[in-house]
């Protein structure tokens, strides 16, 4: 029974990983915007909310993520980078409003 349960969990996990490859999360978007600032993956991960002890590893992993690679291949000038930063600030503001409505300020 244990082996069957482990097998079911493994299948579920791998299919979520495959689905995640084409999903732009808020955390991934924050990393992309931060990485565009200075090209430093560790610092971009840290500034986007990853704990300092994991920032180096997570930054290296995120740089290999298909969505991040595609975004970094795009030609983004200073004006576009500023628009991205403003859009991300607006998303954060809207998230705070949603958390307030739902009573999730502590999350």
N, C-alpha and C. Protein backbone atom coordinates (compact mmCIF):
# COMPACT_ATOMS: atom_id res chain seq x y z
N UNK A 1 0.82 -1.19 0.00
CA UNK A 1 0.00 0.00 0.00
C UNK A 1 0.87 1.27 0.00
N UNK A 2 1.96 1.26 0.78
CA UNK A 2 2.86 2.41 0.86
C UNK A 2 3.44 2.73 -0.51
N UNK A 3 3.88 1.69 -1.25
CA UNK A 3 4.47 1.92 -2.57
C UNK A 3 3.45 2.50 -3.53
N UNK A 4 2.21 2.04 -3.45
CA UNK A 4 1.17 2.56 -4.31
C UNK A 4 0.91 4.03 -4.00
N UNK A 5 0.86 4.37 -2.73
CA UNK A 5 0.65 5.75 -2.32
C UNK A 5 1.79 6.64 -2.80
N UNK A 6 3.02 6.19 -2.65
CA UNK A 6 4.18 6.95 -3.12
C UNK A 6 4.11 7.16 -4.62
N UNK A 7 3.71 6.14 -5.35
CA UNK A 7 3.61 6.23 -6.81
C UNK A 7 2.56 7.27 -7.21
N UNK A 8 1.43 7.27 -6.52
CA UNK A 8 0.38 8.24 -6.82
C UNK A 8 0.88 9.66 -6.55
N UNK A 9 1.55 9.85 -5.44
CA UNK A 9 2.08 11.17 -5.12
C UNK A 9 3.10 11.63 -6.15
N UNK A 10 3.98 10.73 -6.59
CA UNK A 10 5.00 11.09 -7.56
C UNK A 10 4.37 11.50 -8.88
N UNK A 11 3.35 10.77 -9.32
CA UNK A 11 2.70 11.12 -10.58
C UNK A 11 2.05 12.49 -10.47
N UNK A 12 1.36 12.74 -9.37
CA UNK A 12 0.72 14.04 -9.18
C UNK A 12 1.73 15.17 -9.16
N UNK A 13 2.84 14.97 -8.48
CA UNK A 13 3.87 16.00 -8.39
C UNK A 13 4.48 16.30 -9.74
N UNK A 14 4.80 15.26 -10.51
CA UNK A 14 5.45 15.51 -11.80
C UNK A 14 4.50 16.20 -12.78
N UNK A 15 3.22 15.86 -12.74
CA UNK A 15 2.29 16.54 -13.64
C UNK A 15 2.11 18.00 -13.24
N UNK A 16 2.18 18.31 -11.94
CA UNK A 16 2.12 19.71 -11.52
C UNK A 16 3.35 20.46 -12.00
N UNK A 17 4.51 19.82 -11.95
CA UNK A 17 5.72 20.48 -12.43
C UNK A 17 5.63 20.78 -13.92
N UNK A 18 5.11 19.84 -14.70
CA UNK A 18 4.97 20.08 -16.14
C UNK A 18 4.02 21.23 -16.40
N UNK A 19 2.92 21.28 -15.66
CA UNK A 19 1.95 22.36 -15.84
C UNK A 19 2.58 23.69 -15.43
N UNK A 20 3.41 23.69 -14.40
CA UNK A 20 4.03 24.91 -13.88
C UNK A 20 4.99 25.52 -14.89
N UNK A 21 5.52 24.73 -15.79
CA UNK A 21 6.50 25.25 -16.76
C UNK A 21 5.91 26.35 -17.63
N UNK A 22 4.58 26.35 -17.82
CA UNK A 22 3.95 27.35 -18.67
C UNK A 22 3.09 28.33 -17.87
N UNK A 23 3.31 28.36 -16.57
CA UNK A 23 2.52 29.22 -15.70
C UNK A 23 3.40 30.34 -15.15
N UNK A 24 3.02 31.58 -15.44
CA UNK A 24 3.76 32.71 -14.91
C UNK A 24 3.19 33.06 -13.54
N UNK A 25 3.96 32.82 -12.51
CA UNK A 25 3.51 33.14 -11.15
C UNK A 25 3.98 34.55 -10.79
N UNK A 26 3.37 35.09 -9.76
CA UNK A 26 3.77 36.42 -9.29
C UNK A 26 5.22 36.41 -8.83
N UNK A 27 5.64 35.33 -8.19
CA UNK A 27 7.03 35.23 -7.72
C UNK A 27 8.01 35.20 -8.90
N UNK A 28 7.64 34.48 -9.96
CA UNK A 28 8.51 34.41 -11.14
C UNK A 28 8.57 35.77 -11.82
N UNK A 29 7.45 36.45 -11.92
CA UNK A 29 7.42 37.78 -12.51
C UNK A 29 8.29 38.75 -11.71
N UNK A 30 8.20 38.68 -10.39
CA UNK A 30 9.04 39.54 -9.55
C UNK A 30 10.52 39.26 -9.80
N UNK A 31 10.87 37.97 -9.91
CA UNK A 31 12.26 37.62 -10.18
C UNK A 31 12.72 38.22 -11.51
N UNK A 32 11.90 38.09 -12.55
CA UNK A 32 12.27 38.61 -13.88
C UNK A 32 12.52 40.11 -13.81
N UNK A 33 11.60 40.84 -13.19
CA UNK A 33 11.74 42.30 -13.10
C UNK A 33 13.00 42.67 -12.31
N UNK A 34 13.24 41.97 -11.21
CA UNK A 34 14.44 42.24 -10.41
C UNK A 34 15.72 41.86 -11.15
N UNK A 35 15.69 40.76 -11.89
CA UNK A 35 16.88 40.32 -12.63
C UNK A 35 17.24 41.33 -13.72
N UNK A 36 16.22 41.92 -14.32
CA UNK A 36 16.48 42.92 -15.37
C UNK A 36 17.18 44.16 -14.83
N UNK A 37 17.10 44.40 -13.54
CA UNK A 37 17.75 45.58 -12.94
C UNK A 37 19.27 45.49 -13.02
N UNK A 38 19.83 44.32 -12.65
CA UNK A 38 21.30 44.24 -12.58
C UNK A 38 21.89 42.93 -13.07
N UNK A 39 21.06 41.98 -13.49
CA UNK A 39 21.57 40.71 -14.01
C UNK A 39 22.14 39.78 -12.96
N UNK A 40 21.87 40.04 -11.69
CA UNK A 40 22.38 39.21 -10.60
C UNK A 40 21.25 38.31 -10.11
N UNK A 41 21.33 37.01 -10.41
CA UNK A 41 20.26 36.07 -10.10
C UNK A 41 20.05 35.92 -8.60
N UNK A 42 21.12 35.86 -7.83
CA UNK A 42 20.99 35.70 -6.38
C UNK A 42 20.29 36.90 -5.76
N UNK A 43 20.72 38.09 -6.12
CA UNK A 43 20.12 39.29 -5.57
C UNK A 43 18.69 39.48 -6.07
N UNK A 44 18.44 39.12 -7.32
CA UNK A 44 17.08 39.22 -7.86
C UNK A 44 16.14 38.29 -7.09
N UNK A 45 16.59 37.09 -6.81
CA UNK A 45 15.77 36.15 -6.04
C UNK A 45 15.53 36.70 -4.63
N UNK A 46 16.56 37.24 -4.02
CA UNK A 46 16.43 37.80 -2.67
C UNK A 46 15.46 38.98 -2.66
N UNK A 47 15.62 39.90 -3.61
CA UNK A 47 14.74 41.07 -3.68
C UNK A 47 13.30 40.70 -4.02
N UNK A 48 13.13 39.54 -4.67
CA UNK A 48 11.77 39.14 -5.02
C UNK A 48 11.11 38.30 -3.94
N UNK A 49 11.79 38.14 -2.79
CA UNK A 49 11.15 37.51 -1.65
C UNK A 49 11.68 36.16 -1.23
N UNK A 50 12.70 35.66 -1.88
CA UNK A 50 13.28 34.36 -1.51
C UNK A 50 14.20 34.58 -0.30
N UNK A 51 14.12 33.74 0.72
CA UNK A 51 15.02 33.89 1.88
C UNK A 51 16.49 33.86 1.44
N UNK A 52 17.31 34.62 2.14
CA UNK A 52 18.71 34.79 1.74
C UNK A 52 19.46 33.46 1.62
N UNK A 53 19.17 32.49 2.50
CA UNK A 53 19.91 31.21 2.45
C UNK A 53 19.59 30.41 1.18
N UNK A 54 18.45 30.68 0.54
CA UNK A 54 18.06 29.92 -0.66
C UNK A 54 18.17 30.75 -1.93
N UNK A 55 18.48 32.03 -1.81
CA UNK A 55 18.43 32.94 -2.95
C UNK A 55 19.37 32.52 -4.09
N UNK A 56 20.56 32.08 -3.76
CA UNK A 56 21.52 31.69 -4.80
C UNK A 56 21.00 30.50 -5.59
N UNK A 57 20.57 29.47 -4.88
CA UNK A 57 20.07 28.25 -5.52
C UNK A 57 18.79 28.54 -6.32
N UNK A 58 17.86 29.30 -5.71
CA UNK A 58 16.60 29.59 -6.37
C UNK A 58 16.82 30.49 -7.58
N UNK A 59 17.73 31.44 -7.48
CA UNK A 59 18.05 32.31 -8.61
C UNK A 59 18.61 31.52 -9.78
N UNK A 60 19.51 30.60 -9.50
CA UNK A 60 20.08 29.77 -10.57
C UNK A 60 19.00 28.90 -11.21
N UNK A 61 18.09 28.36 -10.38
CA UNK A 61 17.02 27.53 -10.91
C UNK A 61 16.06 28.37 -11.76
N UNK A 62 15.71 29.55 -11.27
CA UNK A 62 14.77 30.39 -12.01
C UNK A 62 15.33 30.83 -13.35
N UNK A 63 16.63 31.08 -13.43
CA UNK A 63 17.23 31.47 -14.71
C UNK A 63 17.06 30.40 -15.77
N UNK A 64 16.89 29.15 -15.36
CA UNK A 64 16.72 28.04 -16.30
C UNK A 64 15.26 27.78 -16.63
N UNK A 65 14.35 28.41 -15.91
CA UNK A 65 12.92 28.22 -16.11
C UNK A 65 12.54 28.71 -17.52
N UNK A 66 11.76 27.94 -18.28
CA UNK A 66 11.43 28.32 -19.66
C UNK A 66 10.81 29.72 -19.79
N UNK A 67 9.92 30.09 -18.89
CA UNK A 67 9.30 31.41 -18.97
C UNK A 67 10.33 32.51 -18.72
N UNK A 68 11.19 32.29 -17.74
CA UNK A 68 12.22 33.29 -17.43
C UNK A 68 13.19 33.42 -18.60
N UNK A 69 13.61 32.29 -19.15
CA UNK A 69 14.52 32.34 -20.31
C UNK A 69 13.90 33.11 -21.46
N UNK A 70 12.64 32.84 -21.74
CA UNK A 70 11.96 33.55 -22.83
C UNK A 70 11.87 35.05 -22.54
N UNK A 71 11.54 35.40 -21.29
CA UNK A 71 11.43 36.81 -20.92
C UNK A 71 12.78 37.52 -21.02
N UNK A 72 13.84 36.83 -20.63
CA UNK A 72 15.16 37.47 -20.66
C UNK A 72 15.71 37.60 -22.08
N UNK A 73 15.17 36.82 -23.01
CA UNK A 73 15.58 36.94 -24.40
C UNK A 73 14.90 38.11 -25.09
N UNK A 74 13.81 38.60 -24.51
CA UNK A 74 13.10 39.74 -25.09
C UNK A 74 13.95 41.00 -24.94
N UNK A 75 13.80 41.87 -25.91
CA UNK A 75 14.53 43.14 -25.86
C UNK A 75 13.74 44.11 -24.98
N UNK A 76 14.26 44.38 -23.79
CA UNK A 76 13.59 45.28 -22.85
C UNK A 76 14.49 46.49 -22.63
N UNK A 77 14.00 47.65 -23.08
CA UNK A 77 14.80 48.87 -22.87
C UNK A 77 14.44 49.47 -21.50
N UNK A 78 15.07 50.59 -21.19
CA UNK A 78 14.86 51.22 -19.87
C UNK A 78 13.40 51.61 -19.65
N UNK A 79 12.77 52.10 -20.71
CA UNK A 79 11.37 52.51 -20.60
C UNK A 79 10.47 51.31 -20.30
N UNK A 80 10.70 50.20 -20.99
CA UNK A 80 9.91 48.99 -20.73
C UNK A 80 10.18 48.45 -19.33
N UNK A 81 11.43 48.52 -18.89
CA UNK A 81 11.77 48.05 -17.54
C UNK A 81 11.04 48.88 -16.49
N UNK A 82 10.96 50.18 -16.71
CA UNK A 82 10.23 51.05 -15.79
C UNK A 82 8.73 50.72 -15.80
N UNK A 83 8.18 50.46 -16.99
CA UNK A 83 6.77 50.06 -17.08
C UNK A 83 6.52 48.76 -16.34
N UNK A 84 7.46 47.82 -16.45
CA UNK A 84 7.33 46.55 -15.73
C UNK A 84 7.33 46.78 -14.22
N UNK A 85 8.24 47.62 -13.75
CA UNK A 85 8.30 47.91 -12.32
C UNK A 85 7.01 48.55 -11.82
N UNK A 86 6.46 49.49 -12.60
CA UNK A 86 5.20 50.13 -12.21
C UNK A 86 4.05 49.14 -12.23
N UNK A 87 4.01 48.28 -13.23
CA UNK A 87 2.94 47.28 -13.32
C UNK A 87 3.01 46.31 -12.14
N UNK A 88 4.22 45.92 -11.79
CA UNK A 88 4.40 45.01 -10.65
C UNK A 88 3.98 45.68 -9.34
N UNK A 89 4.27 46.95 -9.20
CA UNK A 89 3.85 47.69 -8.00
C UNK A 89 2.31 47.74 -7.94
N UNK A 90 1.67 47.90 -9.08
CA UNK A 90 0.21 47.92 -9.11
C UNK A 90 -0.36 46.54 -8.77
N UNK A 91 0.27 45.49 -9.26
CA UNK A 91 -0.17 44.12 -8.91
C UNK A 91 -0.05 43.92 -7.40
N UNK A 92 1.06 44.34 -6.82
CA UNK A 92 1.23 44.22 -5.36
C UNK A 92 0.15 44.99 -4.61
N UNK A 93 -0.18 46.17 -5.11
CA UNK A 93 -1.22 46.98 -4.49
C UNK A 93 -2.57 46.27 -4.55
N UNK A 94 -2.87 45.70 -5.70
CA UNK A 94 -4.14 44.97 -5.87
C UNK A 94 -4.17 43.71 -4.99
N UNK A 95 -3.03 43.04 -4.85
CA UNK A 95 -2.96 41.87 -3.97
C UNK A 95 -3.25 42.27 -2.53
N UNK A 96 -2.71 43.42 -2.11
CA UNK A 96 -2.97 43.90 -0.75
C UNK A 96 -4.46 44.18 -0.55
N UNK A 97 -5.11 44.74 -1.56
CA UNK A 97 -6.56 45.00 -1.47
C UNK A 97 -7.31 43.68 -1.32
N UNK A 98 -6.95 42.69 -2.13
CA UNK A 98 -7.59 41.38 -2.06
C UNK A 98 -7.38 40.73 -0.69
N UNK A 99 -6.16 40.80 -0.17
CA UNK A 99 -5.88 40.24 1.15
C UNK A 99 -6.71 40.93 2.23
N UNK A 100 -6.84 42.24 2.10
CA UNK A 100 -7.63 43.00 3.07
C UNK A 100 -9.10 42.56 3.02
N UNK A 101 -9.66 42.44 1.83
CA UNK A 101 -11.05 42.02 1.68
C UNK A 101 -11.27 40.64 2.27
N UNK A 102 -10.31 39.73 2.04
CA UNK A 102 -10.44 38.34 2.49
C UNK A 102 -9.94 38.11 3.92
N UNK A 103 -9.43 39.15 4.55
CA UNK A 103 -8.92 39.00 5.92
C UNK A 103 -7.63 38.21 5.97
N UNK A 104 -6.79 38.35 4.96
CA UNK A 104 -5.54 37.57 4.87
C UNK A 104 -4.31 38.46 5.01
N UNK A 105 -4.39 39.53 5.77
CA UNK A 105 -3.25 40.44 5.91
C UNK A 105 -2.00 39.77 6.46
N UNK A 106 -2.17 38.71 7.25
CA UNK A 106 -1.02 38.05 7.88
C UNK A 106 -0.36 37.01 6.97
N UNK A 107 -0.87 36.84 5.77
CA UNK A 107 -0.30 35.82 4.86
C UNK A 107 0.49 36.44 3.76
